[in-house]
Amino acid sequence: PGAVEMSRKSPFASWLCAMLHCFGSYILADVLLGEAPLGYFSNNSSVILATAVWYLIFFCPMNLFYKCVSFLPVKLIFVAMKEVVRVRKIAAGVHHAHHLYHHGWFVMMATGWVKGSGVALMSNFEQLLRGVWKPETNEILHMSFPTKASLYGTVLFTLQQTHWLPISEANLIFFFTMFMIVCKVFMTATHSHASPFAPVENLVCPVLFGSVSSGHSSHHHDHHGASHEVSHPPPPPAKSKEELNEGTRKRKAKKAE
């Protein structure tokens, strides 16, 4: 909301946000590995293509370009293509980090994760460019399906790269790509936001990390409410008409005195 208005009022800010959406994963990965975060912008053809898409999305007459790419059959094709690129970026990020840090498991997982979901992870910074601050939308606190799938995927690719997972990299890329395509296309076609990981997480997470007790929360609220009532005594009774008249006479007498 507000993206179209911002593209009219501040075209440069809109373009910069679009570039972060296109190249955010590369920027974060380069920052983590100590490389130049602007290195990917040296690819002139990619920047020009992204700029052309941004311009057509916001300024094409009668919104024809946006209507074409948001048409559901066309959109599903782009969604599938995006997941193919996402998985290859995760694999490339893990491979690159393994080349630099042979025994750095966490470096490999962090690099692969930001390669697959860097745009979502830097969404708060992108919001600042748009003049919006919504800390409750932090992607780490509320992971979307692509972010969570990228995290699980980078764990698998790290295990494969360190020879703890007995499968070839090509087969792992193929199977994980098919999983991502099926899930994302189905979710887009049905307009569903339910995570396919939810059934497993609902079984495993309470065992490993415990669960929030609703009774404790309600007891806390009841206790807080009771203390709130005690700290506020009931208001005194209203004065009668005779008492008010008596008080008025005393003030008049004191004034005359």
C-alpha atoms as a PDB file:
ATOM      1  CA  PRO A   1       0.000   0.000   0.000  1.00  0.00           C
ATOM      2  CA  GLY A   2       1.260   3.422  -0.980  1.00  0.00           C
ATOM      3  CA  ALA A   3       3.825   2.099  -3.495  1.00  0.00           C
ATOM      4  CA  VAL A   4       2.123   3.732  -6.486  1.00  0.00           C
ATOM      5  CA  GLU A   5       1.878   7.093  -4.742  1.00  0.00           C
ATOM      6  CA  MET A   6       5.538   6.946  -3.756  1.00  0.00           C
ATOM      7  CA  SER A   7       6.568   6.149  -7.332  1.00  0.00           C
ATOM      8  CA  ARG A   8       4.958   9.445  -8.372  1.00  0.00           C
ATOM      9  CA  LYS A   9       6.235  11.551  -5.481  1.00  0.00           C
ATOM     10  CA  SER A  10       9.712  10.001  -5.095  1.00  0.00           C
ATOM     11  CA  PRO A  11      10.675   7.992  -8.194  1.00  0.00           C
ATOM     12  CA  PHE A  12      14.274   7.561  -7.037  1.00  0.00           C
ATOM     13  CA  ALA A  13      13.239   6.097  -3.678  1.00  0.00           C
ATOM     14  CA  SER A  14      10.835   3.773  -5.478  1.00  0.00           C
ATOM     15  CA  TRP A  15      13.579   2.663  -7.871  1.00  0.00           C
ATOM     16  CA  LEU A  16      16.016   2.092  -4.997  1.00  0.00           C
ATOM     17  CA  CYS A  17      13.463  -0.070  -3.173  1.00  0.00           C
ATOM     18  CA  ALA A  18      12.972  -2.065  -6.364  1.00  0.00           C
ATOM     19  CA  MET A  19      16.725  -2.624  -6.675  1.00  0.00           C
ATOM     20  CA  LEU A  20      16.840  -3.876  -3.075  1.00  0.00           C
ATOM     21  CA  HIS A  21      14.048  -6.320  -3.901  1.00  0.00           C
ATOM     22  CA  CYS A  22      15.978  -7.551  -6.933  1.00  0.00           C
ATOM     23  CA  PHE A  23      19.507  -7.695  -5.487  1.00  0.00           C
ATOM     24  CA  GLY A  24      19.013  -7.748  -1.707  1.00  0.00           C
ATOM     25  CA  SER A  25      20.220 -11.326  -1.331  1.00  0.00           C
ATOM     26  CA  TYR A  26      23.478 -10.568  -3.155  1.00  0.00           C
ATOM     27  CA  ILE A  27      24.077  -7.448  -1.046  1.00  0.00           C
ATOM     28  CA  LEU A  28      23.583  -9.274   2.268  1.00  0.00           C
ATOM     29  CA  ALA A  29      25.719 -12.232   1.201  1.00  0.00           C
ATOM     30  CA  ASP A  30      28.569  -9.923   0.168  1.00  0.00           C
ATOM     31  CA  VAL A  31      28.357  -8.080   3.493  1.00  0.00           C
ATOM     32  CA  LEU A  32      28.544 -11.368   5.431  1.00  0.00           C
ATOM     33  CA  LEU A  33      31.548 -12.582   3.425  1.00  0.00           C
ATOM     34  CA  GLY A  34      33.414  -9.270   3.585  1.00  0.00           C
ATOM     35  CA  GLU A  35      33.093  -8.492  -0.107  1.00  0.00           C
ATOM     36  CA  ALA A  36      31.934  -5.327  -1.876  1.00  0.00           C
ATOM     37  CA  PRO A  37      28.139  -5.073  -1.397  1.00  0.00           C
ATOM     38  CA  LEU A  38      27.820  -3.089  -4.621  1.00  0.00           C
ATOM     39  CA  GLY A  39      29.739  -5.634  -6.661  1.00  0.00           C
ATOM     40  CA  TYR A  40      26.647  -7.133  -8.281  1.00  0.00           C
ATOM     41  CA  PHE A  41      25.620  -3.702  -9.590  1.00  0.00           C
ATOM     42  CA  SER A  42      28.601  -3.891 -11.941  1.00  0.00           C
ATOM     43  CA  ASN A  43      26.438  -6.260 -14.029  1.00  0.00           C
ATOM     44  CA  ASN A  44      24.950  -3.547 -16.221  1.00  0.00           C
ATOM     45  CA  SER A  45      22.551  -5.815 -18.107  1.00  0.00           C
ATOM     46  CA  SER A  46      20.911  -7.050 -14.875  1.00  0.00           C
ATOM     47  CA  VAL A  47      20.497  -3.516 -13.508  1.00  0.00           C
ATOM     48  CA  ILE A  48      19.058  -2.249 -16.806  1.00  0.00           C
ATOM     49  CA  LEU A  49      16.641  -5.195 -16.983  1.00  0.00           C
ATOM     50  CA  ALA A  50      15.496  -4.637 -13.384  1.00  0.00           C
ATOM     51  CA  THR A  51      15.071  -0.912 -14.076  1.00  0.00           C
ATOM     52  CA  ALA A  52      13.001  -1.647 -17.193  1.00  0.00           C
ATOM     53  CA  VAL A  53      10.717  -3.982 -15.236  1.00  0.00           C
ATOM     54  CA  TRP A  54      10.328  -1.371 -12.471  1.00  0.00           C
ATOM     55  CA  TYR A  55       9.420   1.322 -14.996  1.00  0.00           C
ATOM     56  CA  LEU A  56       6.884  -0.869 -16.806  1.00  0.00           C
ATOM     57  CA  ILE A  57       5.260  -1.954 -13.541  1.00  0.00           C
ATOM     58  CA  PHE A  58       4.640   1.594 -12.334  1.00  0.00           C
ATOM     59  CA  PHE A  59       4.426   3.727 -15.479  1.00  0.00           C
ATOM     60  CA  CYS A  60       3.111   1.525 -18.292  1.00  0.00           C
ATOM     61  CA  PRO A  61      -0.047   3.067 -19.863  1.00  0.00           C
ATOM     62  CA  MET A  62      -3.281   1.603 -18.468  1.00  0.00           C
ATOM     63  CA  ASN A  63      -1.236  -0.738 -16.241  1.00  0.00           C
ATOM     64  CA  LEU A  64      -1.015  -3.220 -19.120  1.00  0.00           C
ATOM     65  CA  PHE A  65       2.295  -4.731 -18.027  1.00  0.00           C
ATOM     66  CA  TYR A  66       1.130  -5.232 -14.438  1.00  0.00           C
ATOM     67  CA  LYS A  67      -2.139  -6.787 -15.592  1.00  0.00           C
ATOM     68  CA  CYS A  68      -0.258  -9.212 -17.838  1.00  0.00           C
ATOM     69  CA  VAL A  69       2.226 -10.429 -15.211  1.00  0.00           C
ATOM     70  CA  SER A  70      -0.463 -10.634 -12.510  1.00  0.00           C
ATOM     71  CA  PHE A  71      -2.717 -12.780 -14.710  1.00  0.00           C
ATOM     72  CA  LEU A  72      -2.824 -16.035 -12.743  1.00  0.00           C
ATOM     73  CA  PRO A  73      -1.487 -18.508 -15.393  1.00  0.00           C
ATOM     74  CA  VAL A  74       1.390 -16.145 -16.220  1.00  0.00           C
ATOM     75  CA  LYS A  75       1.992 -15.430 -12.540  1.00  0.00           C
ATOM     76  CA  LEU A  76       2.287 -19.150 -11.746  1.00  0.00           C
ATOM     77  CA  ILE A  77       5.003 -19.500 -14.397  1.00  0.00           C
ATOM     78  CA  PHE A  78       6.980 -16.649 -12.838  1.00  0.00           C
ATOM     79  CA  VAL A  79       6.486 -18.113  -9.364  1.00  0.00           C
ATOM     80  CA  ALA A  80       7.898 -21.458 -10.512  1.00  0.00           C
ATOM     81  CA  MET A  81      10.845 -19.750 -12.212  1.00  0.00           C
ATOM     82  CA  LYS A  82      11.547 -17.739  -9.069  1.00  0.00           C
ATOM     83  CA  GLU A  83      11.771 -20.891  -6.940  1.00  0.00           C
ATOM     84  CA  VAL A  84      14.214 -22.435  -9.438  1.00  0.00           C
ATOM     85  CA  VAL A  85      16.441 -19.379  -9.065  1.00  0.00           C
ATOM     86  CA  ARG A  86      16.018 -19.370  -5.267  1.00  0.00           C
ATOM     87  CA  VAL A  87      17.268 -22.944  -4.849  1.00  0.00           C
ATOM     88  CA  ARG A  88      20.229 -22.382  -7.159  1.00  0.00           C
ATOM     89  CA  LYS A  89      21.138 -19.239  -5.192  1.00  0.00           C
ATOM     90  CA  ILE A  90      21.033 -21.195  -1.910  1.00  0.00           C
ATOM     91  CA  ALA A  91      23.298 -23.885  -3.347  1.00  0.00           C
ATOM     92  CA  ALA A  92      25.672 -21.290  -4.804  1.00  0.00           C
ATOM     93  CA  GLY A  93      25.814 -19.392  -1.496  1.00  0.00           C
ATOM     94  CA  VAL A  94      26.667 -22.520   0.493  1.00  0.00           C
ATOM     95  CA  HIS A  95      29.274 -23.555  -2.085  1.00  0.00           C
ATOM     96  CA  HIS A  96      30.871 -20.096  -2.063  1.00  0.00           C
ATOM     97  CA  ALA A  97      31.032 -19.972   1.742  1.00  0.00           C
ATOM     98  CA  HIS A  98      32.470 -23.495   1.845  1.00  0.00           C
ATOM     99  CA  HIS A  99      35.220 -22.405  -0.531  1.00  0.00           C
ATOM    100  CA  LEU A 100      36.185 -19.596   1.877  1.00  0.00           C
ATOM    101  CA  TYR A 101      35.480 -21.326   5.212  1.00  0.00           C
ATOM    102  CA  HIS A 102      35.872 -25.097   4.844  1.00  0.00           C
ATOM    103  CA  HIS A 103      34.759 -25.899   8.393  1.00  0.00           C
ATOM    104  CA  GLY A 104      32.437 -22.936   9.008  1.00  0.00           C
ATOM    105  CA  TRP A 105      29.042 -24.601   9.107  1.00  0.00           C
ATOM    106  CA  PHE A 106      27.274 -21.551  10.454  1.00  0.00           C
ATOM    107  CA  VAL A 107      28.917 -19.328   7.845  1.00  0.00           C
ATOM    108  CA  MET A 108      27.659 -21.648   5.119  1.00  0.00           C
ATOM    109  CA  MET A 109      24.130 -21.716   6.542  1.00  0.00           C
ATOM    110  CA  ALA A 110      24.010 -17.947   7.047  1.00  0.00           C
ATOM    111  CA  THR A 111      25.247 -17.267   3.517  1.00  0.00           C
ATOM    112  CA  GLY A 112      22.863 -19.750   1.913  1.00  0.00           C
ATOM    113  CA  TRP A 113      19.955 -18.399   3.963  1.00  0.00           C
ATOM    114  CA  VAL A 114      20.468 -14.771   2.968  1.00  0.00           C
ATOM    115  CA  LYS A 115      21.014 -15.858  -0.636  1.00  0.00           C
ATOM    116  CA  GLY A 116      17.587 -17.487  -0.650  1.00  0.00           C
ATOM    117  CA  SER A 117      15.628 -14.934   1.357  1.00  0.00           C
ATOM    118  CA  GLY A 118      17.729 -11.784   1.529  1.00  0.00           C
ATOM    119  CA  VAL A 119      14.916  -9.559   0.268  1.00  0.00           C
ATOM    120  CA  ALA A 120      12.607 -10.531   3.124  1.00  0.00           C
ATOM    121  CA  LEU A 121      15.370 -10.284   5.737  1.00  0.00           C
ATOM    122  CA  MET A 122      16.158  -6.677   4.789  1.00  0.00           C
ATOM    123  CA  SER A 123      12.496  -5.660   4.465  1.00  0.00           C
ATOM    124  CA  ASN A 124      12.716  -3.375   7.522  1.00  0.00           C
ATOM    125  CA  PHE A 125      15.527  -1.392   5.904  1.00  0.00           C
ATOM    126  CA  GLU A 126      13.492  -1.193   2.712  1.00  0.00           C
ATOM    127  CA  GLN A 127      10.563   0.149   4.762  1.00  0.00           C
ATOM    128  CA  LEU A 128      12.769   2.951   6.084  1.00  0.00           C
ATOM    129  CA  LEU A 129      13.468   4.028   2.504  1.00  0.00           C
ATOM    130  CA  ARG A 130       9.700   4.281   2.003  1.00  0.00           C
ATOM    131  CA  GLY A 131       9.271   6.276   5.218  1.00  0.00           C
ATOM    132  CA  VAL A 132       7.539   3.411   7.024  1.00  0.00           C
ATOM    133  CA  TRP A 133       8.609   1.732  10.262  1.00  0.00           C
ATOM    134  CA  LYS A 134       6.851  -1.476  11.263  1.00  0.00           C
ATOM    135  CA  PRO A 135       9.065  -3.456  13.668  1.00  0.00           C
ATOM    136  CA  GLU A 136       6.255  -5.959  14.253  1.00  0.00           C
ATOM    137  CA  THR A 137       6.731  -7.171  10.651  1.00  0.00           C
ATOM    138  CA  ASN A 138      10.280  -8.362  11.338  1.00  0.00           C
ATOM    139  CA  GLU A 139      10.835 -11.369   9.089  1.00  0.00           C
ATOM    140  CA  ILE A 140      12.885 -13.218  11.699  1.00  0.00           C
ATOM    141  CA  LEU A 141      10.018 -13.001  14.213  1.00  0.00           C
ATOM    142  CA  HIS A 142       7.341 -13.960  11.672  1.00  0.00           C
ATOM    143  CA  MET A 143       8.970 -16.053   8.967  1.00  0.00           C
ATOM    144  CA  SER A 144       7.151 -16.462   5.678  1.00  0.00           C
ATOM    145  CA  PHE A 145       7.248 -19.750   3.793  1.00  0.00           C
ATOM    146  CA  PRO A 146      10.139 -18.762   1.447  1.00  0.00           C
ATOM    147  CA  THR A 147      12.267 -17.575   4.379  1.00  0.00           C
ATOM    148  CA  LYS A 148      11.623 -20.704   6.430  1.00  0.00           C
ATOM    149  CA  ALA A 149      12.097 -22.997   3.437  1.00  0.00           C
ATOM    150  CA  SER A 150      15.376 -21.245   2.611  1.00  0.00           C
ATOM    151  CA  LEU A 151      16.565 -21.849   6.167  1.00  0.00           C
ATOM    152  CA  TYR A 152      15.733 -25.553   6.034  1.00  0.00           C
ATOM    153  CA  GLY A 153      17.169 -25.824   2.546  1.00  0.00           C
ATOM    154  CA  THR A 154      20.472 -24.233   3.468  1.00  0.00           C
ATOM    155  CA  VAL A 155      20.825 -26.744   6.319  1.00  0.00           C
ATOM    156  CA  LEU A 156      20.409 -29.586   3.815  1.00  0.00           C
ATOM    157  CA  PHE A 157      22.883 -28.069   1.363  1.00  0.00           C
ATOM    158  CA  THR A 158      25.390 -27.488   4.179  1.00  0.00           C
ATOM    159  CA  LEU A 159      25.134 -31.123   5.258  1.00  0.00           C
ATOM    160  CA  GLN A 160      25.577 -32.194   1.642  1.00  0.00           C
ATOM    161  CA  GLN A 161      28.551 -29.895   1.107  1.00  0.00           C
ATOM    162  CA  THR A 162      30.287 -31.265   4.223  1.00  0.00           C
ATOM    163  CA  HIS A 163      29.529 -34.874   3.144  1.00  0.00           C
ATOM    164  CA  TRP A 164      27.150 -35.586   6.017  1.00  0.00           C
ATOM    165  CA  LEU A 165      24.215 -36.059   3.644  1.00  0.00           C
ATOM    166  CA  PRO A 166      24.783 -38.955   1.203  1.00  0.00           C
ATOM    167  CA  ILE A 167      23.308 -37.376  -1.920  1.00  0.00           C
ATOM    168  CA  SER A 168      24.791 -35.565  -4.873  1.00  0.00           C
ATOM    169  CA  GLU A 169      24.392 -31.806  -5.164  1.00  0.00           C
ATOM    170  CA  ALA A 170      22.560 -32.129  -8.499  1.00  0.00           C
ATOM    171  CA  ASN A 171      19.972 -34.526  -7.046  1.00  0.00           C
ATOM    172  CA  LEU A 172      19.466 -32.366  -3.961  1.00  0.00           C
ATOM    173  CA  ILE A 173      18.946 -29.300  -6.146  1.00  0.00           C
ATOM    174  CA  PHE A 174      16.433 -31.190  -8.272  1.00  0.00           C
ATOM    175  CA  PHE A 175      14.356 -32.616  -5.406  1.00  0.00           C
ATOM    176  CA  PHE A 176      14.358 -29.417  -3.340  1.00  0.00           C
ATOM    177  CA  THR A 177      13.476 -27.344  -6.421  1.00  0.00           C
ATOM    178  CA  MET A 178      10.505 -29.599  -7.175  1.00  0.00           C
ATOM    179  CA  PHE A 179       9.357 -29.320  -3.554  1.00  0.00           C
ATOM    180  CA  MET A 180       9.575 -25.517  -3.625  1.00  0.00           C
ATOM    181  CA  ILE A 181       7.808 -25.246  -6.998  1.00  0.00           C
ATOM    182  CA  VAL A 182       4.908 -27.496  -5.962  1.00  0.00           C
ATOM    183  CA  CYS A 183       4.402 -25.755  -2.609  1.00  0.00           C
ATOM    184  CA  LYS A 184       4.686 -22.172  -3.898  1.00  0.00           C
ATOM    185  CA  VAL A 185       2.573 -22.726  -7.020  1.00  0.00           C
ATOM    186  CA  PHE A 186      -0.136 -24.432  -4.958  1.00  0.00           C
ATOM    187  CA  MET A 187      -0.118 -21.657  -2.347  1.00  0.00           C
ATOM    188  CA  THR A 188      -0.289 -18.970  -5.039  1.00  0.00           C
ATOM    189  CA  ALA A 189      -3.056 -20.702  -6.999  1.00  0.00           C
ATOM    190  CA  THR A 190      -5.206 -21.272  -3.886  1.00  0.00           C
ATOM    191  CA  HIS A 191      -4.290 -17.943  -2.207  1.00  0.00           C
ATOM    192  CA  SER A 192      -3.237 -19.944   0.842  1.00  0.00           C
ATOM    193  CA  HIS A 193      -0.890 -18.701   3.556  1.00  0.00           C
ATOM    194  CA  ALA A 194      -0.675 -21.994   5.471  1.00  0.00           C
ATOM    195  CA  SER A 195       2.861 -23.305   5.800  1.00  0.00           C
ATOM    196  CA  PRO A 196       3.444 -26.925   4.723  1.00  0.00           C
ATOM    197  CA  PHE A 197       5.908 -27.169   7.622  1.00  0.00           C
ATOM    198  CA  ALA A 198       3.203 -26.414  10.209  1.00  0.00           C
ATOM    199  CA  PRO A 199       2.119 -30.037  10.964  1.00  0.00           C
ATOM    200  CA  VAL A 200       5.691 -31.147  11.658  1.00  0.00           C
ATOM    201  CA  GLU A 201       6.524 -27.988  13.617  1.00  0.00           C
ATOM    202  CA  ASN A 202       3.403 -28.378  15.775  1.00  0.00           C
ATOM    203  CA  LEU A 203       4.623 -31.838  16.785  1.00  0.00           C
ATOM    204  CA  VAL A 204       8.331 -31.148  17.231  1.00  0.00           C
ATOM    205  CA  CYS A 205       8.461 -27.605  18.648  1.00  0.00           C
ATOM    206  CA  PRO A 206       6.435 -28.270  21.875  1.00  0.00           C
ATOM    207  CA  VAL A 207       8.736 -31.211  22.629  1.00  0.00           C
ATOM    208  CA  LEU A 208      11.996 -29.334  22.018  1.00  0.00           C
ATOM    209  CA  PHE A 209      11.108 -25.799  23.099  1.00  0.00           C
ATOM    210  CA  GLY A 210       7.943 -26.151  25.196  1.00  0.00           C
ATOM    211  CA  SER A 211       4.696 -24.299  24.702  1.00  0.00           C
ATOM    212  CA  VAL A 212       3.124 -21.148  26.094  1.00  0.00           C
ATOM    213  CA  SER A 213       0.713 -21.920  28.938  1.00  0.00           C
ATOM    214  CA  SER A 214      -2.615 -20.130  28.524  1.00  0.00           C
ATOM    215  CA  GLY A 215      -3.466 -20.675  32.193  1.00  0.00           C
ATOM    216  CA  HIS A 216      -0.434 -18.699  33.355  1.00  0.00           C
ATOM    217  CA  SER A 217      -1.362 -15.847  31.055  1.00  0.00           C
ATOM    218  CA  SER A 218      -4.970 -15.722  32.232  1.00  0.00           C
ATOM    219  CA  HIS A 219      -3.865 -15.934  35.896  1.00  0.00           C
ATOM    220  CA  HIS A 220      -1.492 -13.057  35.305  1.00  0.00           C
ATOM    221  CA  HIS A 221      -4.262 -10.972  33.749  1.00  0.00           C
ATOM    222  CA  ASP A 222      -6.700 -11.831  36.564  1.00  0.00           C
ATOM    223  CA  HIS A 223      -4.143 -10.903  39.213  1.00  0.00           C
ATOM    224  CA  HIS A 224      -3.333  -7.691  37.373  1.00  0.00           C
ATOM    225  CA  GLY A 225      -7.012  -6.868  37.108  1.00  0.00           C
ATOM    226  CA  ALA A 226      -7.604  -7.520  40.812  1.00  0.00           C
ATOM    227  CA  SER A 227      -4.671  -5.340  41.857  1.00  0.00           C
ATOM    228  CA  HIS A 228      -5.921  -2.675  39.477  1.00  0.00           C
ATOM    229  CA  GLU A 229      -9.311  -2.718  41.179  1.00  0.00           C
ATOM    230  CA  VAL A 230      -7.758  -2.529  44.673  1.00  0.00           C
ATOM    231  CA  SER A 231      -5.550   0.409  43.775  1.00  0.00           C
ATOM    232  CA  HIS A 232      -8.577   2.435  42.642  1.00  0.00           C
ATOM    233  CA  PRO A 233     -11.060   2.834  45.530  1.00  0.00           C
ATOM    234  CA  PRO A 234     -14.699   3.578  44.756  1.00  0.00           C
ATOM    235  CA  PRO A 235     -15.621   7.253  44.405  1.00  0.00           C
ATOM    236  CA  PRO A 236     -17.138   9.006  47.453  1.00  0.00           C
ATOM    237  CA  PRO A 237     -20.928   9.437  47.568  1.00  0.00           C
ATOM    238  CA  ALA A 238     -22.400  12.600  46.084  1.00  0.00           C
ATOM    239  CA  LYS A 239     -23.177  15.433  48.495  1.00  0.00           C
ATOM    240  CA  SER A 240     -26.771  16.254  49.271  1.00  0.00           C
ATOM    241  CA  LYS A 241     -28.417  19.564  48.376  1.00  0.00           C
ATOM    242  CA  GLU A 242     -28.402  20.735  52.015  1.00  0.00           C
ATOM    243  CA  GLU A 243     -24.660  20.107  52.332  1.00  0.00           C
ATOM    244  CA  LEU A 244     -23.990  22.062  49.141  1.00  0.00           C
ATOM    245  CA  ASN A 245     -26.064  25.032  50.388  1.00  0.00           C
ATOM    246  CA  GLU A 246     -24.282  24.937  53.743  1.00  0.00           C
ATOM    247  CA  GLY A 247     -20.913  25.009  52.008  1.00  0.00           C
ATOM    248  CA  THR A 248     -22.001  27.962  49.855  1.00  0.00           C
ATOM    249  CA  ARG A 249     -23.107  29.941  52.955  1.00  0.00           C
ATOM    250  CA  LYS A 250     -19.793  29.313  54.672  1.00  0.00           C
ATOM    251  CA  ARG A 251     -17.812  30.531  51.661  1.00  0.00           C
ATOM    252  CA  LYS A 252     -19.917  33.701  51.433  1.00  0.00           C
ATOM    253  CA  ALA A 253     -19.483  34.392  55.146  1.00  0.00           C
ATOM    254  CA  LYS A 254     -15.739  33.880  54.905  1.00  0.00           C
ATOM    255  CA  LYS A 255     -15.556  36.206  51.910  1.00  0.00           C
ATOM    256  CA  ALA A 256     -17.500  38.942  53.726  1.00  0.00           C
ATOM    257  CA  GLU A 257     -15.304  38.514  56.798  1.00  0.00           C
END
